[in-house]
mmCIF file of all heavy atoms, coordinates in Angstrom:
data_MODEL
# 
_entry.id   MODEL 
# 
loop_
_atom_site.group_PDB 
_atom_site.id 
_atom_site.type_symbol 
_atom_site.label_atom_id 
_atom_site.label_alt_id 
_atom_site.label_comp_id 
_atom_site.label_asym_id 
_atom_site.label_entity_id 
_atom_site.label_seq_id 
_atom_site.pdbx_PDB_ins_code 
_atom_site.Cartn_x 
_atom_site.Cartn_y 
_atom_site.Cartn_z 
_atom_site.occupancy 
_atom_site.B_iso_or_equiv 
_atom_site.pdbx_formal_charge 
_atom_site.auth_seq_id 
_atom_site.auth_comp_id 
_atom_site.auth_asym_id 
_atom_site.auth_atom_id 
_atom_site.pdbx_PDB_model_num 
ATOM 1   N N   . ILE A 1 1  ? 115.637 69.783 131.707 1.00 0.00 ? 1  ILE A N   1 
ATOM 2   C CA  . ILE A 1 1  ? 116.309 71.066 131.892 1.00 0.00 ? 1  ILE A CA  1 
ATOM 3   C C   . ILE A 1 1  ? 116.302 71.813 130.562 1.00 0.00 ? 1  ILE A C   1 
ATOM 4   O O   . ILE A 1 1  ? 116.302 71.197 129.496 1.00 0.00 ? 1  ILE A O   1 
ATOM 5   C CB  . ILE A 1 1  ? 117.748 70.850 132.424 1.00 0.00 ? 1  ILE A CB  1 
ATOM 6   C CG1 . ILE A 1 1  ? 118.397 72.163 132.852 1.00 0.00 ? 1  ILE A CG1 1 
ATOM 7   C CG2 . ILE A 1 1  ? 118.591 70.088 131.423 1.00 0.00 ? 1  ILE A CG2 1 
ATOM 8   C CD1 . ILE A 1 1  ? 119.696 71.966 133.640 1.00 0.00 ? 1  ILE A CD1 1 
ATOM 9   N N   . SER A 1 2  ? 116.295 73.121 130.632 1.00 0.00 ? 2  SER A N   1 
ATOM 10  C CA  . SER A 1 2  ? 116.344 73.915 129.398 1.00 0.00 ? 2  SER A CA  1 
ATOM 11  C C   . SER A 1 2  ? 117.781 73.994 128.889 1.00 0.00 ? 2  SER A C   1 
ATOM 12  O O   . SER A 1 2  ? 118.739 73.775 129.639 1.00 0.00 ? 2  SER A O   1 
ATOM 13  C CB  . SER A 1 2  ? 115.811 75.323 129.646 1.00 0.00 ? 2  SER A CB  1 
ATOM 14  O OG  . SER A 1 2  ? 116.708 76.052 130.475 1.00 0.00 ? 2  SER A OG  1 
ATOM 15  N N   . ILE A 1 3  ? 117.934 74.316 127.629 1.00 0.00 ? 3  ILE A N   1 
ATOM 16  C CA  . ILE A 1 3  ? 119.266 74.465 127.046 1.00 0.00 ? 3  ILE A CA  1 
ATOM 17  C C   . ILE A 1 3  ? 120.043 75.542 127.791 1.00 0.00 ? 3  ILE A C   1 
ATOM 18  O O   . ILE A 1 3  ? 121.200 75.328 128.170 1.00 0.00 ? 3  ILE A O   1 
ATOM 19  C CB  . ILE A 1 3  ? 119.178 74.810 125.546 1.00 0.00 ? 3  ILE A CB  1 
ATOM 20  C CG1 . ILE A 1 3  ? 118.564 73.653 124.771 1.00 0.00 ? 3  ILE A CG1 1 
ATOM 21  C CG2 . ILE A 1 3  ? 120.560 75.165 124.979 1.00 0.00 ? 3  ILE A CG2 1 
ATOM 22  C CD1 . ILE A 1 3  ? 118.200 73.986 123.338 1.00 0.00 ? 3  ILE A CD1 1 
ATOM 23  N N   . SER A 1 4  ? 119.425 76.675 128.028 1.00 0.00 ? 4  SER A N   1 
ATOM 24  C CA  . SER A 1 4  ? 120.147 77.765 128.688 1.00 0.00 ? 4  SER A CA  1 
ATOM 25  C C   . SER A 1 4  ? 120.557 77.397 130.111 1.00 0.00 ? 4  SER A C   1 
ATOM 26  O O   . SER A 1 4  ? 121.660 77.734 130.544 1.00 0.00 ? 4  SER A O   1 
ATOM 27  C CB  . SER A 1 4  ? 119.313 79.054 128.677 1.00 0.00 ? 4  SER A CB  1 
ATOM 28  O OG  . SER A 1 4  ? 118.093 78.863 129.362 1.00 0.00 ? 4  SER A OG  1 
ATOM 29  N N   . ASP A 1 5  ? 119.701 76.686 130.839 1.00 0.00 ? 5  ASP A N   1 
ATOM 30  C CA  . ASP A 1 5  ? 120.067 76.267 132.195 1.00 0.00 ? 5  ASP A CA  1 
ATOM 31  C C   . ASP A 1 5  ? 121.184 75.229 132.169 1.00 0.00 ? 5  ASP A C   1 
ATOM 32  O O   . ASP A 1 5  ? 122.079 75.248 133.022 1.00 0.00 ? 5  ASP A O   1 
ATOM 33  C CB  . ASP A 1 5  ? 118.860 75.722 132.950 1.00 0.00 ? 5  ASP A CB  1 
ATOM 34  C CG  . ASP A 1 5  ? 117.906 76.811 133.398 1.00 0.00 ? 5  ASP A CG  1 
ATOM 35  O OD1 . ASP A 1 5  ? 118.308 77.997 133.417 1.00 0.00 ? 5  ASP A OD1 1 
ATOM 36  O OD2 . ASP A 1 5  ? 116.745 76.481 133.721 1.00 0.00 ? 5  ASP A OD2 1 
ATOM 37  N N   . LEU A 1 6  ? 121.143 74.325 131.206 1.00 0.00 ? 6  LEU A N   1 
ATOM 38  C CA  . LEU A 1 6  ? 122.190 73.317 131.080 1.00 0.00 ? 6  LEU A CA  1 
ATOM 39  C C   . LEU A 1 6  ? 123.542 73.989 130.840 1.00 0.00 ? 6  LEU A C   1 
ATOM 40  O O   . LEU A 1 6  ? 124.526 73.704 131.536 1.00 0.00 ? 6  LEU A O   1 
ATOM 41  C CB  . LEU A 1 6  ? 121.870 72.354 129.938 1.00 0.00 ? 6  LEU A CB  1 
ATOM 42  C CG  . LEU A 1 6  ? 122.917 71.273 129.683 1.00 0.00 ? 6  LEU A CG  1 
ATOM 43  C CD1 . LEU A 1 6  ? 122.777 70.150 130.700 1.00 0.00 ? 6  LEU A CD1 1 
ATOM 44  C CD2 . LEU A 1 6  ? 122.771 70.725 128.286 1.00 0.00 ? 6  LEU A CD2 1 
ATOM 45  N N   . ILE A 1 7  ? 123.595 74.892 129.887 1.00 0.00 ? 7  ILE A N   1 
ATOM 46  C CA  . ILE A 1 7  ? 124.851 75.583 129.569 1.00 0.00 ? 7  ILE A CA  1 
ATOM 47  C C   . ILE A 1 7  ? 125.313 76.417 130.756 1.00 0.00 ? 7  ILE A C   1 
ATOM 48  O O   . ILE A 1 7  ? 126.499 76.432 131.094 1.00 0.00 ? 7  ILE A O   1 
ATOM 49  C CB  . ILE A 1 7  ? 124.694 76.455 128.304 1.00 0.00 ? 7  ILE A CB  1 
ATOM 50  C CG1 . ILE A 1 7  ? 124.469 75.572 127.080 1.00 0.00 ? 7  ILE A CG1 1 
ATOM 51  C CG2 . ILE A 1 7  ? 125.900 77.356 128.104 1.00 0.00 ? 7  ILE A CG2 1 
ATOM 52  C CD1 . ILE A 1 7  ? 125.647 74.696 126.708 1.00 0.00 ? 7  ILE A CD1 1 
ATOM 53  N N   . LYS A 1 8  ? 124.397 77.109 131.401 1.00 0.00 ? 8  LYS A N   1 
ATOM 54  C CA  . LYS A 1 8  ? 124.754 77.925 132.567 1.00 0.00 ? 8  LYS A CA  1 
ATOM 55  C C   . LYS A 1 8  ? 125.398 77.053 133.649 1.00 0.00 ? 8  LYS A C   1 
ATOM 56  O O   . LYS A 1 8  ? 126.426 77.424 134.221 1.00 0.00 ? 8  LYS A O   1 
ATOM 57  C CB  . LYS A 1 8  ? 123.508 78.615 133.118 1.00 0.00 ? 8  LYS A CB  1 
ATOM 58  C CG  . LYS A 1 8  ? 123.776 79.477 134.328 1.00 0.00 ? 8  LYS A CG  1 
ATOM 59  C CD  . LYS A 1 8  ? 122.498 80.129 134.820 1.00 0.00 ? 8  LYS A CD  1 
ATOM 60  C CE  . LYS A 1 8  ? 122.764 80.940 136.071 1.00 0.00 ? 8  LYS A CE  1 
ATOM 61  N NZ  . LYS A 1 8  ? 121.558 81.574 136.577 1.00 0.00 ? 8  LYS A NZ  1 
ATOM 62  N N   . GLN A 1 9  ? 124.825 75.902 133.903 1.00 0.00 ? 9  GLN A N   1 
ATOM 63  C CA  . GLN A 1 9  ? 125.364 74.990 134.921 1.00 0.00 ? 9  GLN A CA  1 
ATOM 64  C C   . GLN A 1 9  ? 126.738 74.458 134.519 1.00 0.00 ? 9  GLN A C   1 
ATOM 65  O O   . GLN A 1 9  ? 127.649 74.399 135.340 1.00 0.00 ? 9  GLN A O   1 
ATOM 66  C CB  . GLN A 1 9  ? 124.409 73.819 135.143 1.00 0.00 ? 9  GLN A CB  1 
ATOM 67  C CG  . GLN A 1 9  ? 123.154 74.172 135.896 1.00 0.00 ? 9  GLN A CG  1 
ATOM 68  C CD  . GLN A 1 9  ? 123.462 74.558 137.324 1.00 0.00 ? 9  GLN A CD  1 
ATOM 69  O OE1 . GLN A 1 9  ? 123.211 75.680 137.723 1.00 0.00 ? 9  GLN A OE1 1 
ATOM 70  N NE2 . GLN A 1 9  ? 124.023 73.650 138.087 1.00 0.00 ? 9  GLN A NE2 1 
ATOM 71  N N   . ILE A 1 10 ? 126.874 74.041 133.273 1.00 0.00 ? 10 ILE A N   1 
ATOM 72  C CA  . ILE A 1 10 ? 128.149 73.488 132.804 1.00 0.00 ? 10 ILE A CA  1 
ATOM 73  C C   . ILE A 1 10 ? 129.243 74.545 132.861 1.00 0.00 ? 10 ILE A C   1 
ATOM 74  O O   . ILE A 1 10 ? 130.341 74.295 133.371 1.00 0.00 ? 10 ILE A O   1 
ATOM 75  C CB  . ILE A 1 10 ? 128.005 72.933 131.370 1.00 0.00 ? 10 ILE A CB  1 
ATOM 76  C CG1 . ILE A 1 10 ? 127.098 71.706 131.355 1.00 0.00 ? 10 ILE A CG1 1 
ATOM 77  C CG2 . ILE A 1 10 ? 129.383 72.603 130.775 1.00 0.00 ? 10 ILE A CG2 1 
ATOM 78  C CD1 . ILE A 1 10 ? 126.697 71.262 129.957 1.00 0.00 ? 10 ILE A CD1 1 
ATOM 79  N N   . LYS A 1 11 ? 128.961 75.720 132.336 1.00 0.00 ? 11 LYS A N   1 
ATOM 80  C CA  . LYS A 1 11 ? 129.967 76.773 132.319 1.00 0.00 ? 11 LYS A CA  1 
ATOM 81  C C   . LYS A 1 11 ? 130.300 77.239 133.733 1.00 0.00 ? 11 LYS A C   1 
ATOM 82  O O   . LYS A 1 11 ? 131.472 77.426 134.074 1.00 0.00 ? 11 LYS A O   1 
ATOM 83  C CB  . LYS A 1 11 ? 129.491 77.939 131.451 1.00 0.00 ? 11 LYS A CB  1 
ATOM 84  C CG  . LYS A 1 11 ? 129.492 77.584 129.972 1.00 0.00 ? 11 LYS A CG  1 
ATOM 85  C CD  . LYS A 1 11 ? 128.709 78.541 129.107 1.00 0.00 ? 11 LYS A CD  1 
ATOM 86  C CE  . LYS A 1 11 ? 129.207 79.939 129.119 1.00 0.00 ? 11 LYS A CE  1 
ATOM 87  N NZ  . LYS A 1 11 ? 128.461 80.816 128.207 1.00 0.00 ? 11 LYS A NZ  1 
ATOM 88  N N   . GLY A 1 12 ? 129.275 77.399 134.552 1.00 0.00 ? 12 GLY A N   1 
ATOM 89  C CA  . GLY A 1 12 ? 129.499 77.867 135.921 1.00 0.00 ? 12 GLY A CA  1 
ATOM 90  C C   . GLY A 1 12 ? 130.305 76.896 136.754 1.00 0.00 ? 12 GLY A C   1 
ATOM 91  O O   . GLY A 1 12 ? 131.261 77.275 137.432 1.00 0.00 ? 12 GLY A O   1 
ATOM 92  N N   . SER A 1 13 ? 129.945 75.621 136.696 1.00 0.00 ? 13 SER A N   1 
ATOM 93  C CA  . SER A 1 13 ? 130.660 74.632 137.512 1.00 0.00 ? 13 SER A CA  1 
ATOM 94  C C   . SER A 1 13 ? 132.092 74.428 137.025 1.00 0.00 ? 13 SER A C   1 
ATOM 95  O O   . SER A 1 13 ? 133.012 74.275 137.825 1.00 0.00 ? 13 SER A O   1 
ATOM 96  C CB  . SER A 1 13 ? 129.904 73.304 137.542 1.00 0.00 ? 13 SER A CB  1 
ATOM 97  O OG  . SER A 1 13 ? 129.876 72.715 136.272 1.00 0.00 ? 13 SER A OG  1 
ATOM 98  N N   . SER A 1 14 ? 132.305 74.434 135.709 1.00 0.00 ? 14 SER A N   1 
ATOM 99  C CA  . SER A 1 14 ? 133.659 74.217 135.197 1.00 0.00 ? 14 SER A CA  1 
ATOM 100 C C   . SER A 1 14 ? 134.563 75.417 135.496 1.00 0.00 ? 14 SER A C   1 
ATOM 101 O O   . SER A 1 14 ? 135.718 75.231 135.895 1.00 0.00 ? 14 SER A O   1 
ATOM 102 C CB  . SER A 1 14 ? 133.645 73.897 133.700 1.00 0.00 ? 14 SER A CB  1 
ATOM 103 O OG  . SER A 1 14 ? 133.052 74.937 132.950 1.00 0.00 ? 14 SER A OG  1 
ATOM 104 N N   . SER A 1 15 ? 134.062 76.633 135.350 1.00 0.00 ? 15 SER A N   1 
ATOM 105 C CA  . SER A 1 15 ? 134.908 77.796 135.660 1.00 0.00 ? 15 SER A CA  1 
ATOM 106 C C   . SER A 1 15 ? 135.177 77.870 137.167 1.00 0.00 ? 15 SER A C   1 
ATOM 107 O O   . SER A 1 15 ? 136.287 78.205 137.582 1.00 0.00 ? 15 SER A O   1 
ATOM 108 C CB  . SER A 1 15 ? 134.295 79.098 135.142 1.00 0.00 ? 15 SER A CB  1 
ATOM 109 O OG  . SER A 1 15 ? 133.072 79.376 135.758 1.00 0.00 ? 15 SER A OG  1 
ATOM 110 N N   . HIS A 1 16 ? 134.193 77.518 137.989 1.00 0.00 ? 16 HIS A N   1 
ATOM 111 C CA  . HIS A 1 16 ? 134.401 77.490 139.445 1.00 0.00 ? 16 HIS A CA  1 
ATOM 112 C C   . HIS A 1 16 ? 135.478 76.472 139.806 1.00 0.00 ? 16 HIS A C   1 
ATOM 113 O O   . HIS A 1 16 ? 136.387 76.749 140.604 1.00 0.00 ? 16 HIS A O   1 
ATOM 114 C CB  . HIS A 1 16 ? 133.090 77.163 140.158 1.00 0.00 ? 16 HIS A CB  1 
ATOM 115 C CG  . HIS A 1 16 ? 133.204 77.195 141.639 1.00 0.00 ? 16 HIS A CG  1 
ATOM 116 N ND1 . HIS A 1 16 ? 133.569 76.089 142.376 1.00 0.00 ? 16 HIS A ND1 1 
ATOM 117 C CD2 . HIS A 1 16 ? 133.039 78.209 142.523 1.00 0.00 ? 16 HIS A CD2 1 
ATOM 118 C CE1 . HIS A 1 16 ? 133.618 76.416 143.659 1.00 0.00 ? 16 HIS A CE1 1 
ATOM 119 N NE2 . HIS A 1 16 ? 133.300 77.687 143.770 1.00 0.00 ? 16 HIS A NE2 1 
ATOM 120 N N   . PHE A 1 17 ? 135.407 75.289 139.217 1.00 0.00 ? 17 PHE A N   1 
ATOM 121 C CA  . PHE A 1 17 ? 136.385 74.238 139.466 1.00 0.00 ? 17 PHE A CA  1 
ATOM 122 C C   . PHE A 1 17 ? 137.795 74.704 139.104 1.00 0.00 ? 17 PHE A C   1 
ATOM 123 O O   . PHE A 1 17 ? 138.748 74.532 139.869 1.00 0.00 ? 17 PHE A O   1 
ATOM 124 C CB  . PHE A 1 17 ? 135.998 72.992 138.663 1.00 0.00 ? 17 PHE A CB  1 
ATOM 125 C CG  . PHE A 1 17 ? 137.010 71.884 138.705 1.00 0.00 ? 17 PHE A CG  1 
ATOM 126 C CD1 . PHE A 1 17 ? 137.213 71.161 139.871 1.00 0.00 ? 17 PHE A CD1 1 
ATOM 127 C CD2 . PHE A 1 17 ? 137.738 71.562 137.576 1.00 0.00 ? 17 PHE A CD2 1 
ATOM 128 C CE1 . PHE A 1 17 ? 138.147 70.130 139.911 1.00 0.00 ? 17 PHE A CE1 1 
ATOM 129 C CE2 . PHE A 1 17 ? 138.659 70.526 137.603 1.00 0.00 ? 17 PHE A CE2 1 
ATOM 130 C CZ  . PHE A 1 17 ? 138.875 69.813 138.777 1.00 0.00 ? 17 PHE A CZ  1 
ATOM 131 N N   . ILE A 1 18 ? 137.936 75.304 137.946 1.00 0.00 ? 18 ILE A N   1 
ATOM 132 C CA  . ILE A 1 18 ? 139.257 75.749 137.499 1.00 0.00 ? 18 ILE A CA  1 
ATOM 133 C C   . ILE A 1 18 ? 139.786 76.865 138.395 1.00 0.00 ? 18 ILE A C   1 
ATOM 134 O O   . ILE A 1 18 ? 140.939 76.829 138.842 1.00 0.00 ? 18 ILE A O   1 
ATOM 135 C CB  . ILE A 1 18 ? 139.218 76.193 136.024 1.00 0.00 ? 18 ILE A CB  1 
ATOM 136 C CG1 . ILE A 1 18 ? 138.901 74.978 135.151 1.00 0.00 ? 18 ILE A CG1 1 
ATOM 137 C CG2 . ILE A 1 18 ? 140.527 76.839 135.603 1.00 0.00 ? 18 ILE A CG2 1 
ATOM 138 C CD1 . ILE A 1 18 ? 138.324 75.305 133.813 1.00 0.00 ? 18 ILE A CD1 1 
ATOM 139 N N   . ASN A 1 19 ? 138.940 77.851 138.688 1.00 0.00 ? 19 ASN A N   1 
ATOM 140 C CA  . ASN A 1 19 ? 139.382 78.991 139.490 1.00 0.00 ? 19 ASN A CA  1 
ATOM 141 C C   . ASN A 1 19 ? 139.637 78.663 140.957 1.00 0.00 ? 19 ASN A C   1 
ATOM 142 O O   . ASN A 1 19 ? 140.400 79.360 141.619 1.00 0.00 ? 19 ASN A O   1 
ATOM 143 C CB  . ASN A 1 19 ? 138.369 80.136 139.389 1.00 0.00 ? 19 ASN A CB  1 
ATOM 144 C CG  . ASN A 1 19 ? 138.477 80.862 138.073 1.00 0.00 ? 19 ASN A CG  1 
ATOM 145 O OD1 . ASN A 1 19 ? 139.562 81.132 137.591 1.00 0.00 ? 19 ASN A OD1 1 
ATOM 146 N ND2 . ASN A 1 19 ? 137.341 81.170 137.489 1.00 0.00 ? 19 ASN A ND2 1 
ATOM 147 N N   . HIS A 1 20 ? 138.984 77.631 141.475 1.00 0.00 ? 20 HIS A N   1 
ATOM 148 C CA  . HIS A 1 20 ? 139.125 77.328 142.896 1.00 0.00 ? 20 HIS A CA  1 
ATOM 149 C C   . HIS A 1 20 ? 139.955 76.084 143.198 1.00 0.00 ? 20 HIS A C   1 
ATOM 150 O O   . HIS A 1 20 ? 140.481 75.952 144.301 1.00 0.00 ? 20 HIS A O   1 
ATOM 151 C CB  . HIS A 1 20 ? 137.745 77.205 143.544 1.00 0.00 ? 20 HIS A CB  1 
ATOM 152 C CG  . HIS A 1 20 ? 137.033 78.515 143.600 1.00 0.00 ? 20 HIS A CG  1 
ATOM 153 N ND1 . HIS A 1 20 ? 136.244 78.965 142.571 1.00 0.00 ? 20 HIS A ND1 1 
ATOM 154 C CD2 . HIS A 1 20 ? 137.029 79.476 144.541 1.00 0.00 ? 20 HIS A CD2 1 
ATOM 155 C CE1 . HIS A 1 20 ? 135.758 80.160 142.885 1.00 0.00 ? 20 HIS A CE1 1 
ATOM 156 N NE2 . HIS A 1 20 ? 136.225 80.494 144.068 1.00 0.00 ? 20 HIS A NE2 1 
ATOM 157 N N   . GLU A 1 21 ? 140.077 75.177 142.244 1.00 0.00 ? 21 GLU A N   1 
ATOM 158 C CA  . GLU A 1 21 ? 140.805 73.938 142.526 1.00 0.00 ? 21 GLU A CA  1 
ATOM 159 C C   . GLU A 1 21 ? 142.019 73.727 141.631 1.00 0.00 ? 21 GLU A C   1 
ATOM 160 O O   . GLU A 1 21 ? 143.009 73.171 142.073 1.00 0.00 ? 21 GLU A O   1 
ATOM 161 C CB  . GLU A 1 21 ? 139.861 72.739 142.425 1.00 0.00 ? 21 GLU A CB  1 
ATOM 162 C CG  . GLU A 1 21 ? 138.778 72.777 143.500 1.00 0.00 ? 21 GLU A CG  1 
ATOM 163 C CD  . GLU A 1 21 ? 137.934 71.530 143.514 1.00 0.00 ? 21 GLU A CD  1 
ATOM 164 O OE1 . GLU A 1 21 ? 138.499 70.429 143.358 1.00 0.00 ? 21 GLU A OE1 1 
ATOM 165 O OE2 . GLU A 1 21 ? 136.709 71.672 143.679 1.00 0.00 ? 21 GLU A OE2 1 
ATOM 166 N N   . ILE A 1 22 ? 141.945 74.149 140.390 1.00 0.00 ? 22 ILE A N   1 
ATOM 167 C CA  . ILE A 1 22 ? 143.049 73.906 139.464 1.00 0.00 ? 22 ILE A CA  1 
ATOM 168 C C   . ILE A 1 22 ? 144.045 75.059 139.442 1.00 0.00 ? 22 ILE A C   1 
ATOM 169 O O   . ILE A 1 22 ? 145.245 74.848 139.526 1.00 0.00 ? 22 ILE A O   1 
ATOM 170 C CB  . ILE A 1 22 ? 142.517 73.653 138.027 1.00 0.00 ? 22 ILE A CB  1 
ATOM 171 C CG1 . ILE A 1 22 ? 141.534 72.489 138.016 1.00 0.00 ? 22 ILE A CG1 1 
ATOM 172 C CG2 . ILE A 1 22 ? 143.665 73.409 137.057 1.00 0.00 ? 22 ILE A CG2 1 
ATOM 173 C CD1 . ILE A 1 22 ? 142.067 71.199 138.618 1.00 0.00 ? 22 ILE A CD1 1 
ATOM 174 N N   . LYS A 1 23 ? 143.529 76.267 139.338 1.00 0.00 ? 23 LYS A N   1 
ATOM 175 C CA  . LYS A 1 23 ? 144.394 77.452 139.287 1.00 0.00 ? 23 LYS A CA  1 
ATOM 176 C C   . LYS A 1 23 ? 143.859 78.530 140.224 1.00 0.00 ? 23 LYS A C   1 
ATOM 177 O O   . LYS A 1 23 ? 143.396 79.585 139.765 1.00 0.00 ? 23 LYS A O   1 
ATOM 178 C CB  . LYS A 1 23 ? 144.475 77.993 137.860 1.00 0.00 ? 23 LYS A CB  1 
ATOM 179 C CG  . LYS A 1 23 ? 145.246 77.109 136.902 1.00 0.00 ? 23 LYS A CG  1 
ATOM 180 C CD  . LYS A 1 23 ? 145.507 77.835 135.595 1.00 0.00 ? 23 LYS A CD  1 
ATOM 181 C CE  . LYS A 1 23 ? 146.477 77.033 134.761 1.00 0.00 ? 23 LYS A CE  1 
ATOM 182 N NZ  . LYS A 1 23 ? 146.940 77.754 133.595 1.00 0.00 ? 23 LYS A NZ  1 
ATOM 183 N N   . PRO A 1 24 ? 143.896 78.262 141.537 1.00 0.00 ? 24 PRO A N   1 
ATOM 184 C CA  . PRO A 1 24 ? 143.402 79.273 142.477 1.00 0.00 ? 24 PRO A CA  1 
ATOM 185 C C   . PRO A 1 24 ? 144.168 80.587 142.287 1.00 0.00 ? 24 PRO A C   1 
ATOM 186 O O   . PRO A 1 24 ? 145.374 80.584 142.123 1.00 0.00 ? 24 PRO A O   1 
ATOM 187 C CB  . PRO A 1 24 ? 143.688 78.676 143.849 1.00 0.00 ? 24 PRO A CB  1 
ATOM 188 C CG  . PRO A 1 24 ? 143.895 77.224 143.614 1.00 0.00 ? 24 PRO A CG  1 
ATOM 189 C CD  . PRO A 1 24 ? 144.419 77.088 142.215 1.00 0.00 ? 24 PRO A CD  1 
ATOM 190 N N   . GLY A 1 25 ? 143.432 81.658 142.278 1.00 0.00 ? 25 GLY A N   1 
ATOM 191 C CA  . GLY A 1 25 ? 144.053 82.963 142.087 1.00 0.00 ? 25 GLY A CA  1 
ATOM 192 C C   . GLY A 1 25 ? 144.302 83.302 140.632 1.00 0.00 ? 25 GLY A C   1 
ATOM 193 O O   . GLY A 1 25 ? 144.710 84.406 140.313 1.00 0.00 ? 25 GLY A O   1 
ATOM 194 N N   . GLY A 1 26 ? 144.050 82.363 139.732 1.00 0.00 ? 26 GLY A N   1 
ATOM 195 C CA  . GLY A 1 26 ? 144.226 82.616 138.307 1.00 0.00 ? 26 GLY A CA  1 
ATOM 196 C C   . GLY A 1 26 ? 142.969 83.247 137.729 1.00 0.00 ? 26 GLY A C   1 
ATOM 197 O O   . GLY A 1 26 ? 142.047 83.625 138.454 1.00 0.00 ? 26 GLY A O   1 
ATOM 198 N N   . PHE A 1 27 ? 142.943 83.364 136.426 1.00 0.00 ? 27 PHE A N   1 
ATOM 199 C CA  . PHE A 1 27 ? 141.777 83.930 135.752 1.00 0.00 ? 27 PHE A CA  1 
ATOM 200 C C   . PHE A 1 27 ? 141.283 82.935 134.712 1.00 0.00 ? 27 PHE A C   1 
ATOM 201 O O   . PHE A 1 27 ? 141.998 82.600 133.772 1.00 0.00 ? 27 PHE A O   1 
ATOM 202 C CB  . PHE A 1 27 ? 142.130 85.250 135.055 1.00 0.00 ? 27 PHE A CB  1 
ATOM 203 C CG  . PHE A 1 27 ? 140.990 85.809 134.248 1.00 0.00 ? 27 PHE A CG  1 
ATOM 204 C CD1 . PHE A 1 27 ? 139.976 86.526 134.857 1.00 0.00 ? 27 PHE A CD1 1 
ATOM 205 C CD2 . PHE A 1 27 ? 140.910 85.597 132.875 1.00 0.00 ? 27 PHE A CD2 1 
ATOM 206 C CE1 . PHE A 1 27 ? 138.907 87.029 134.117 1.00 0.00 ? 27 PHE A CE1 1 
ATOM 207 C CE2 . PHE A 1 27 ? 139.857 86.094 132.128 1.00 0.00 ? 27 PHE A CE2 1 
ATOM 208 C CZ  . PHE A 1 27 ? 138.859 86.810 132.754 1.00 0.00 ? 27 PHE A CZ  1 
# 
């Protein structure tokens, strides 16, 4: 995987997890 794709995946999945499972409705 490329560096940019790796970071995109890590950032995307972690922010999705936080916004949808940890703090739904938060920012």
